[in-house]
Amino acid sequence: AGVSEMTASRAMRGAQDVSEATRQKVEQ
């Protein structure tokens, strides 16, 4: 996904400090 492991972890948990675009990219 081209992000840090911490960002990926937050995206997978649905954390609010991760943008919607990043969350969708990581989940996909």
PDB file of all heavy atoms in Angstrom:
ATOM      1  N   ALA A   1       0.813  -1.221   0.000  1.00  0.00           N
ATOM      2  CA  ALA A   1       0.000   0.000   0.000  1.00  0.00           C
ATOM      3  C   ALA A   1       0.847   1.271   0.000  1.00  0.00           C
ATOM      4  O   ALA A   1       0.306   2.374  -0.179  1.00  0.00           O
ATOM      5  CB  ALA A   1      -0.932   0.002   1.208  1.00  0.00           C
ATOM      6  N   GLY A   2       2.152   1.125   0.226  1.00  0.00           N
ATOM      7  CA  GLY A   2       3.031   2.289   0.261  1.00  0.00           C
ATOM      8  C   GLY A   2       2.840   3.141   1.503  1.00  0.00           C
ATOM      9  O   GLY A   2       3.007   4.368   1.457  1.00  0.00           O
ATOM     10  N   VAL A   3       2.506   2.511   2.640  1.00  0.00           N
ATOM     11  CA  VAL A   3       2.319   3.235   3.903  1.00  0.00           C
ATOM     12  C   VAL A   3       3.136   2.530   4.972  1.00  0.00           C
ATOM     13  O   VAL A   3       3.658   1.432   4.771  1.00  0.00           O
ATOM     14  CB  VAL A   3       0.836   3.286   4.315  1.00  0.00           C
ATOM     15  CG1 VAL A   3       0.003   4.025   3.275  1.00  0.00           C
ATOM     16  CG2 VAL A   3       0.276   1.884   4.538  1.00  0.00           C
ATOM     17  N   SER A   4       3.228   3.155   6.146  1.00  0.00           N
ATOM     18  CA  SER A   4       3.942   2.528   7.253  1.00  0.00           C
ATOM     19  C   SER A   4       3.107   1.393   7.837  1.00  0.00           C
ATOM     20  O   SER A   4       1.888   1.329   7.658  1.00  0.00           O
ATOM     21  CB  SER A   4       4.233   3.559   8.346  1.00  0.00           C
ATOM     22  OG  SER A   4       3.021   3.949   8.980  1.00  0.00           O
ATOM     23  N   GLU A   5       3.787   0.505   8.556  1.00  0.00           N
ATOM     24  CA  GLU A   5       3.075  -0.608   9.180  1.00  0.00           C
ATOM     25  C   GLU A   5       2.060  -0.099  10.195  1.00  0.00           C
ATOM     26  O   GLU A   5       0.966  -0.647  10.332  1.00  0.00           O
ATOM     27  CB  GLU A   5       4.076  -1.556   9.845  1.00  0.00           C
ATOM     28  CG  GLU A   5       3.450  -2.843  10.340  1.00  0.00           C
ATOM     29  CD  GLU A   5       4.494  -3.848  10.815  1.00  0.00           C
ATOM     30  OE1 GLU A   5       5.698  -3.671  10.498  1.00  0.00           O
ATOM     31  OE2 GLU A   5       4.110  -4.803  11.516  1.00  0.00           O
ATOM     32  N   MET A   6       2.406   0.991  10.907  1.00  0.00           N
ATOM     33  CA  MET A   6       1.482   1.559  11.888  1.00  0.00           C
ATOM     34  C   MET A   6       0.235   2.111  11.205  1.00  0.00           C
ATOM     35  O   MET A   6      -0.902   1.910  11.677  1.00  0.00           O
ATOM     36  CB  MET A   6       2.169   2.672  12.693  1.00  0.00           C
ATOM     37  CG  MET A   6       1.281   3.293  13.766  1.00  0.00           C
ATOM     38  SD  MET A   6       2.165   4.486  14.799  1.00  0.00           S
ATOM     39  CE  MET A   6       3.324   3.408  15.650  1.00  0.00           C
ATOM     40  N   THR A   7       0.441   2.776  10.061  1.00  0.00           N
ATOM     41  CA  THR A   7      -0.716   3.314   9.322  1.00  0.00           C
ATOM     42  C   THR A   7      -1.601   2.183   8.810  1.00  0.00           C
ATOM     43  O   THR A   7      -2.831   2.250   8.876  1.00  0.00           O
ATOM     44  CB  THR A   7      -0.241   4.178   8.143  1.00  0.00           C
ATOM     45  OG1 THR A   7       0.497   5.292   8.653  1.00  0.00           O
ATOM     46  CG2 THR A   7      -1.426   4.703   7.330  1.00  0.00           C
ATOM     47  N   ALA A   8      -0.962   1.135   8.312  1.00  0.00           N
ATOM     48  CA  ALA A   8      -1.737  -0.013   7.830  1.00  0.00           C
ATOM     49  C   ALA A   8      -2.538  -0.636   8.960  1.00  0.00           C
ATOM     50  O   ALA A   8      -3.701  -1.007   8.788  1.00  0.00           O
ATOM     51  CB  ALA A   8      -0.800  -1.047   7.204  1.00  0.00           C
ATOM     52  N   SER A   9      -1.913  -0.731  10.143  1.00  0.00           N
ATOM     53  CA  SER A   9      -2.612  -1.293  11.302  1.00  0.00           C
ATOM     54  C   SER A   9      -3.819  -0.442  11.675  1.00  0.00           C
ATOM     55  O   SER A   9      -4.915  -0.959  11.917  1.00  0.00           O
ATOM     56  CB  SER A   9      -1.644  -1.399  12.489  1.00  0.00           C
ATOM     57  OG  SER A   9      -2.322  -1.838  13.642  1.00  0.00           O
ATOM     58  N   ARG A  10      -3.618   0.861  11.699  1.00  0.00           N
ATOM     59  CA  ARG A  10      -4.728   1.763  12.036  1.00  0.00           C
ATOM     60  C   ARG A  10      -5.835   1.693  10.986  1.00  0.00           C
ATOM     61  O   ARG A  10      -7.022   1.747  11.305  1.00  0.00           O
ATOM     62  CB  ARG A  10      -4.207   3.199  12.164  1.00  0.00           C
ATOM     63  CG  ARG A  10      -3.369   3.438  13.421  1.00  0.00           C
ATOM     64  CD  ARG A  10      -2.753   4.823  13.419  1.00  0.00           C
ATOM     65  NE  ARG A  10      -2.033   5.098  14.646  1.00  0.00           N
ATOM     66  CZ  ARG A  10      -1.200   6.110  14.809  1.00  0.00           C
ATOM     67  NH1 ARG A  10      -0.977   6.939  13.790  1.00  0.00           N
ATOM     68  NH2 ARG A  10      -0.581   6.289  15.956  1.00  0.00           N
ATOM     69  N   ALA A  11      -5.440   1.587   9.715  1.00  0.00           N
ATOM     70  CA  ALA A  11      -6.432   1.497   8.644  1.00  0.00           C
ATOM     71  C   ALA A  11      -7.268   0.236   8.789  1.00  0.00           C
ATOM     72  O   ALA A  11      -8.490   0.256   8.609  1.00  0.00           O
ATOM     73  CB  ALA A  11      -5.735   1.528   7.286  1.00  0.00           C
ATOM     74  N   MET A  12      -6.613  -0.891   9.113  1.00  0.00           N
ATOM     75  CA  MET A  12      -7.334  -2.149   9.272  1.00  0.00           C
ATOM     76  C   MET A  12      -8.278  -2.103  10.469  1.00  0.00           C
ATOM     77  O   MET A  12      -9.303  -2.780  10.485  1.00  0.00           O
ATOM     78  CB  MET A  12      -6.342  -3.303   9.445  1.00  0.00           C
ATOM     79  CG  MET A  12      -5.471  -3.584   8.225  1.00  0.00           C
ATOM     80  SD  MET A  12      -6.407  -4.181   6.789  1.00  0.00           S
ATOM     81  CE  MET A  12      -6.937  -5.771   7.365  1.00  0.00           C
ATOM     82  N   ARG A  13      -7.938  -1.312  11.472  1.00  0.00           N
ATOM     83  CA  ARG A  13      -8.803  -1.181  12.658  1.00  0.00           C
ATOM     84  C   ARG A  13      -9.883  -0.131  12.467  1.00  0.00           C
ATOM     85  O   ARG A  13     -10.741   0.038  13.333  1.00  0.00           O
ATOM     86  CB  ARG A  13      -7.971  -0.826  13.889  1.00  0.00           C
ATOM     87  CG  ARG A  13      -6.975  -1.882  14.312  1.00  0.00           C
ATOM     88  CD  ARG A  13      -6.513  -1.666  15.746  1.00  0.00           C
ATOM     89  NE  ARG A  13      -6.089  -0.304  15.998  1.00  0.00           N
ATOM     90  CZ  ARG A  13      -4.838   0.140  15.862  1.00  0.00           C
ATOM     91  NH1 ARG A  13      -3.893  -0.696  15.453  1.00  0.00           N
ATOM     92  NH2 ARG A  13      -4.516   1.390  16.124  1.00  0.00           N
ATOM     93  N   GLY A  14      -9.828   0.627  11.351  1.00  0.00           N
ATOM     94  CA  GLY A  14     -10.809   1.677  11.115  1.00  0.00           C
ATOM     95  C   GLY A  14     -10.592   2.913  11.966  1.00  0.00           C
ATOM     96  O   GLY A  14     -11.547   3.618  12.307  1.00  0.00           O
ATOM     97  N   ALA A  15      -9.333   3.193  12.321  1.00  0.00           N
ATOM     98  CA  ALA A  15      -9.028   4.357  13.162  1.00  0.00           C
ATOM     99  C   ALA A  15      -9.416   5.655  12.449  1.00  0.00           C
ATOM    100  O   ALA A  15      -9.245   5.791  11.234  1.00  0.00           O
ATOM    101  CB  ALA A  15      -7.538   4.374  13.499  1.00  0.00           C
ATOM    102  N   GLN A  16      -9.890   6.643  13.227  1.00  0.00           N
ATOM    103  CA  GLN A  16     -10.404   7.890  12.654  1.00  0.00           C
ATOM    104  C   GLN A  16      -9.308   8.797  12.116  1.00  0.00           C
ATOM    105  O   GLN A  16      -9.586   9.687  11.306  1.00  0.00           O
ATOM    106  CB  GLN A  16     -11.229   8.634  13.701  1.00  0.00           C
ATOM    107  CG  GLN A  16     -12.510   7.887  14.088  1.00  0.00           C
ATOM    108  CD  GLN A  16     -13.351   8.686  15.076  1.00  0.00           C
ATOM    109  OE1 GLN A  16     -12.936   9.727  15.571  1.00  0.00           O
ATOM    110  NE2 GLN A  16     -14.549   8.186  15.356  1.00  0.00           N
ATOM    111  N   ASP A  17      -8.053   8.573  12.562  1.00  0.00           N
ATOM    112  CA  ASP A  17      -6.976   9.452  12.095  1.00  0.00           C
ATOM    113  C   ASP A  17      -6.370   8.990  10.767  1.00  0.00           C
ATOM    114  O   ASP A  17      -5.361   9.537  10.319  1.00  0.00           O
ATOM    115  CB  ASP A  17      -5.875   9.573  13.161  1.00  0.00           C
ATOM    116  CG  ASP A  17      -5.262   8.221  13.520  1.00  0.00           C
ATOM    117  OD1 ASP A  17      -5.845   7.192  13.139  1.00  0.00           O
ATOM    118  OD2 ASP A  17      -4.211   8.215  14.191  1.00  0.00           O
ATOM    119  N   VAL A  18      -6.979   7.993  10.131  1.00  0.00           N
ATOM    120  CA  VAL A  18      -6.533   7.528   8.824  1.00  0.00           C
ATOM    121  C   VAL A  18      -7.561   7.962   7.787  1.00  0.00           C
ATOM    122  O   VAL A  18      -8.769   7.788   7.982  1.00  0.00           O
ATOM    123  CB  VAL A  18      -6.381   5.988   8.799  1.00  0.00           C
ATOM    124  CG1 VAL A  18      -5.998   5.509   7.410  1.00  0.00           C
ATOM    125  CG2 VAL A  18      -5.347   5.555   9.831  1.00  0.00           C
ATOM    126  N   SER A  19      -7.081   8.532   6.687  1.00  0.00           N
ATOM    127  CA  SER A  19      -8.011   9.024   5.667  1.00  0.00           C
ATOM    128  C   SER A  19      -8.821   7.877   5.072  1.00  0.00           C
ATOM    129  O   SER A  19      -8.382   6.726   5.044  1.00  0.00           O
ATOM    130  CB  SER A  19      -7.249   9.746   4.557  1.00  0.00           C
ATOM    131  OG  SER A  19      -6.526   8.821   3.767  1.00  0.00           O
ATOM    132  N   GLU A  20     -10.010   8.226   4.573  1.00  0.00           N
ATOM    133  CA  GLU A  20     -10.889   7.221   3.976  1.00  0.00           C
ATOM    134  C   GLU A  20     -10.225   6.569   2.766  1.00  0.00           C
ATOM    135  O   GLU A  20     -10.340   5.342   2.553  1.00  0.00           O
ATOM    136  CB  GLU A  20     -12.214   7.866   3.559  1.00  0.00           C
ATOM    137  CG  GLU A  20     -13.227   6.911   2.952  1.00  0.00           C
ATOM    138  CD  GLU A  20     -13.733   5.866   3.928  1.00  0.00           C
ATOM    139  OE1 GLU A  20     -13.506   6.013   5.148  1.00  0.00           O
ATOM    140  OE2 GLU A  20     -14.343   4.879   3.469  1.00  0.00           O
ATOM    141  N   ALA A  21      -9.508   7.364   1.973  1.00  0.00           N
ATOM    142  CA  ALA A  21      -8.843   6.829   0.784  1.00  0.00           C
ATOM    143  C   ALA A  21      -7.778   5.810   1.168  1.00  0.00           C
ATOM    144  O   ALA A  21      -7.666   4.739   0.541  1.00  0.00           O
ATOM    145  CB  ALA A  21      -8.216   7.967  -0.020  1.00  0.00           C
ATOM    146  N   THR A  22      -6.991   6.131   2.201  1.00  0.00           N
ATOM    147  CA  THR A  22      -5.948   5.205   2.660  1.00  0.00           C
ATOM    148  C   THR A  22      -6.567   3.937   3.226  1.00  0.00           C
ATOM    149  O   THR A  22      -6.108   2.823   2.958  1.00  0.00           O
ATOM    150  CB  THR A  22      -5.057   5.879   3.715  1.00  0.00           C
ATOM    151  OG1 THR A  22      -4.413   7.014   3.133  1.00  0.00           O
ATOM    152  CG2 THR A  22      -4.008   4.916   4.236  1.00  0.00           C
ATOM    153  N   ARG A  23      -7.621   4.093   4.012  1.00  0.00           N
ATOM    154  CA  ARG A  23      -8.288   2.932   4.598  1.00  0.00           C
ATOM    155  C   ARG A  23      -8.799   1.996   3.511  1.00  0.00           C
ATOM    156  O   ARG A  23      -8.588   0.779   3.559  1.00  0.00           O
ATOM    157  CB  ARG A  23      -9.436   3.373   5.499  1.00  0.00           C
ATOM    158  CG  ARG A  23     -10.145   2.203   6.202  1.00  0.00           C
ATOM    159  CD  ARG A  23     -11.399   2.650   6.921  1.00  0.00           C
ATOM    160  NE  ARG A  23     -12.423   3.119   5.985  1.00  0.00           N
ATOM    161  CZ  ARG A  23     -13.189   2.306   5.260  1.00  0.00           C
ATOM    162  NH1 ARG A  23     -13.044   0.995   5.339  1.00  0.00           N
ATOM    163  NH2 ARG A  23     -14.099   2.800   4.441  1.00  0.00           N
ATOM    164  N   GLN A  24      -9.474   2.576   2.512  1.00  0.00           N
ATOM    165  CA  GLN A  24     -10.007   1.752   1.428  1.00  0.00           C
ATOM    166  C   GLN A  24      -8.895   1.061   0.650  1.00  0.00           C
ATOM    167  O   GLN A  24      -9.027  -0.110   0.250  1.00  0.00           O
ATOM    168  CB  GLN A  24     -10.859   2.608   0.502  1.00  0.00           C
ATOM    169  CG  GLN A  24     -12.184   3.063   1.114  1.00  0.00           C
ATOM    170  CD  GLN A  24     -13.036   3.825   0.123  1.00  0.00           C
ATOM    171  OE1 GLN A  24     -12.685   3.959  -1.038  1.00  0.00           O
ATOM    172  NE2 GLN A  24     -14.173   4.333   0.586  1.00  0.00           N
ATOM    173  N   LYS A  25      -7.790   1.776   0.423  1.00  0.00           N
ATOM    174  CA  LYS A  25      -6.667   1.205  -0.321  1.00  0.00           C
ATOM    175  C   LYS A  25      -6.063   0.022   0.424  1.00  0.00           C
ATOM    176  O   LYS A  25      -5.835  -1.058  -0.156  1.00  0.00           O
ATOM    177  CB  LYS A  25      -5.601   2.276  -0.548  1.00  0.00           C
ATOM    178  CG  LYS A  25      -4.397   1.781  -1.348  1.00  0.00           C
ATOM    179  CD  LYS A  25      -3.383   2.906  -1.561  1.00  0.00           C
ATOM    180  CE  LYS A  25      -2.188   2.408  -2.380  1.00  0.00           C
ATOM    181  NZ  LYS A  25      -1.184   3.489  -2.565  1.00  0.00           N
ATOM    182  N   VAL A  26      -5.835   0.190   1.727  1.00  0.00           N
ATOM    183  CA  VAL A  26      -5.242  -0.872   2.538  1.00  0.00           C
ATOM    184  C   VAL A  26      -6.180  -2.081   2.606  1.00  0.00           C
ATOM    185  O   VAL A  26      -5.762  -3.232   2.440  1.00  0.00           O
ATOM    186  CB  VAL A  26      -4.915  -0.355   3.958  1.00  0.00           C
ATOM    187  CG1 VAL A  26      -4.526  -1.513   4.872  1.00  0.00           C
ATOM    188  CG2 VAL A  26      -3.791   0.677   3.895  1.00  0.00           C
ATOM    189  N   GLU A  27      -7.465  -1.827   2.834  1.00  0.00           N
ATOM    190  CA  GLU A  27      -8.434  -2.918   2.942  1.00  0.00           C
ATOM    191  C   GLU A  27      -8.571  -3.677   1.625  1.00  0.00           C
ATOM    192  O   GLU A  27      -8.707  -4.908   1.621  1.00  0.00           O
ATOM    193  CB  GLU A  27      -9.793  -2.382   3.382  1.00  0.00           C
ATOM    194  CG  GLU A  27      -9.828  -1.959   4.839  1.00  0.00           C
ATOM    195  CD  GLU A  27     -11.209  -1.471   5.276  1.00  0.00           C
ATOM    196  OE1 GLU A  27     -12.067  -1.238   4.394  1.00  0.00           O
ATOM    197  OE2 GLU A  27     -11.418  -1.318   6.501  1.00  0.00           O
ATOM    198  N   GLN A  28      -8.538  -2.953   0.509  1.00  0.00           N
ATOM    199  CA  GLN A  28      -8.664  -3.618  -0.794  1.00  0.00           C
ATOM    200  C   GLN A  28      -7.446  -4.491  -1.082  1.00  0.00           C
ATOM    201  O   GLN A  28      -7.577  -5.615  -1.588  1.00  0.00           O
ATOM    202  CB  GLN A  28      -8.846  -2.584  -1.903  1.00  0.00           C
ATOM    203  CG  GLN A  28      -9.127  -3.196  -3.271  1.00  0.00           C
ATOM    204  CD  GLN A  28     -10.388  -4.045  -3.273  1.00  0.00           C
ATOM    205  OE1 GLN A  28     -11.442  -3.594  -2.852  1.00  0.00           O
ATOM    206  NE2 GLN A  28     -10.277  -5.290  -3.733  1.00  0.00           N
TER     207      GLN A  28
END
